[in-house]
Amino acid sequence: MSHEEPTPLSRCHNCGFEAPARNDEWGSTDHPPFGTLTSCPECGSTDVHGRD
């Protein structure tokens, strides 16, 4: 019997878009002084958080 860990999801708090974390669907944007931030492909928001 194989035990696979569930794929963690990330969710945009602005529009509700969800996709696996670190997935190519997510965009990115440079935001000094924070560096590169994940951005939502649907609305462009960087208010993206991981969830289990």
Protein backbone atom coordinates (compact mmCIF):
# COMPACT_ATOMS: atom_id res chain seq x y z
CA MET A 1 0.00 0.00 0.00
CA SER A 2 1.43 3.37 -1.08
CA HIS A 3 1.08 6.40 1.17
CA GLU A 4 1.26 9.66 -0.76
CA GLU A 5 1.33 13.04 0.92
CA PRO A 6 -1.50 15.31 -0.21
CA THR A 7 -0.43 18.13 -2.50
CA PRO A 8 -0.61 21.40 -0.58
CA LEU A 9 -2.75 24.09 -2.20
CA SER A 10 -2.23 27.82 -2.36
CA ARG A 11 -5.22 30.16 -2.43
CA CYS A 12 -5.64 33.76 -3.51
CA HIS A 13 -7.41 35.67 -0.73
CA ASN A 14 -8.60 38.28 -3.22
CA CYS A 15 -10.50 36.14 -5.75
CA GLY A 16 -10.39 32.60 -4.30
CA PHE A 17 -8.30 30.99 -7.07
CA GLU A 18 -6.69 27.75 -5.88
CA ALA A 19 -3.94 25.61 -7.39
CA PRO A 20 -1.19 23.35 -6.09
CA ALA A 21 1.60 25.27 -4.38
CA ARG A 22 4.69 25.90 -6.53
CA ASN A 23 2.64 25.09 -9.65
CA ASP A 24 3.38 26.73 -13.00
CA GLU A 25 -0.13 28.23 -12.94
CA TRP A 26 0.99 30.77 -10.35
CA GLY A 27 2.70 33.90 -11.57
CA SER A 28 5.37 35.94 -9.86
CA THR A 29 6.21 39.60 -9.52
CA ASP A 30 9.22 41.48 -8.19
CA HIS A 31 8.34 43.67 -5.23
CA PRO A 32 11.27 45.44 -3.61
CA PRO A 33 12.16 45.20 -0.77
CA PHE A 34 10.37 41.85 -0.39
CA GLY A 35 11.85 40.19 -3.47
CA THR A 36 9.86 37.90 -5.75
CA LEU A 37 6.26 37.28 -4.67
CA THR A 38 3.74 34.73 -5.92
CA SER A 39 0.92 36.37 -7.84
CA CYS A 40 -2.52 35.10 -8.80
CA PRO A 41 -2.97 34.39 -12.52
CA GLU A 42 -6.65 35.35 -12.29
CA CYS A 43 -6.51 38.78 -10.62
CA GLY A 44 -2.80 39.58 -10.16
CA SER A 45 -3.04 39.84 -6.37
CA THR A 46 -0.02 38.86 -4.28
CA ASP A 47 -2.24 38.05 -1.27
CA VAL A 48 -1.61 34.32 -1.77
CA HIS A 49 -1.39 31.86 1.11
CA GLY A 50 -0.70 28.16 1.36
CA ARG A 51 -3.24 25.76 2.81
CA ASP A 52 -3.23 22.06 3.58
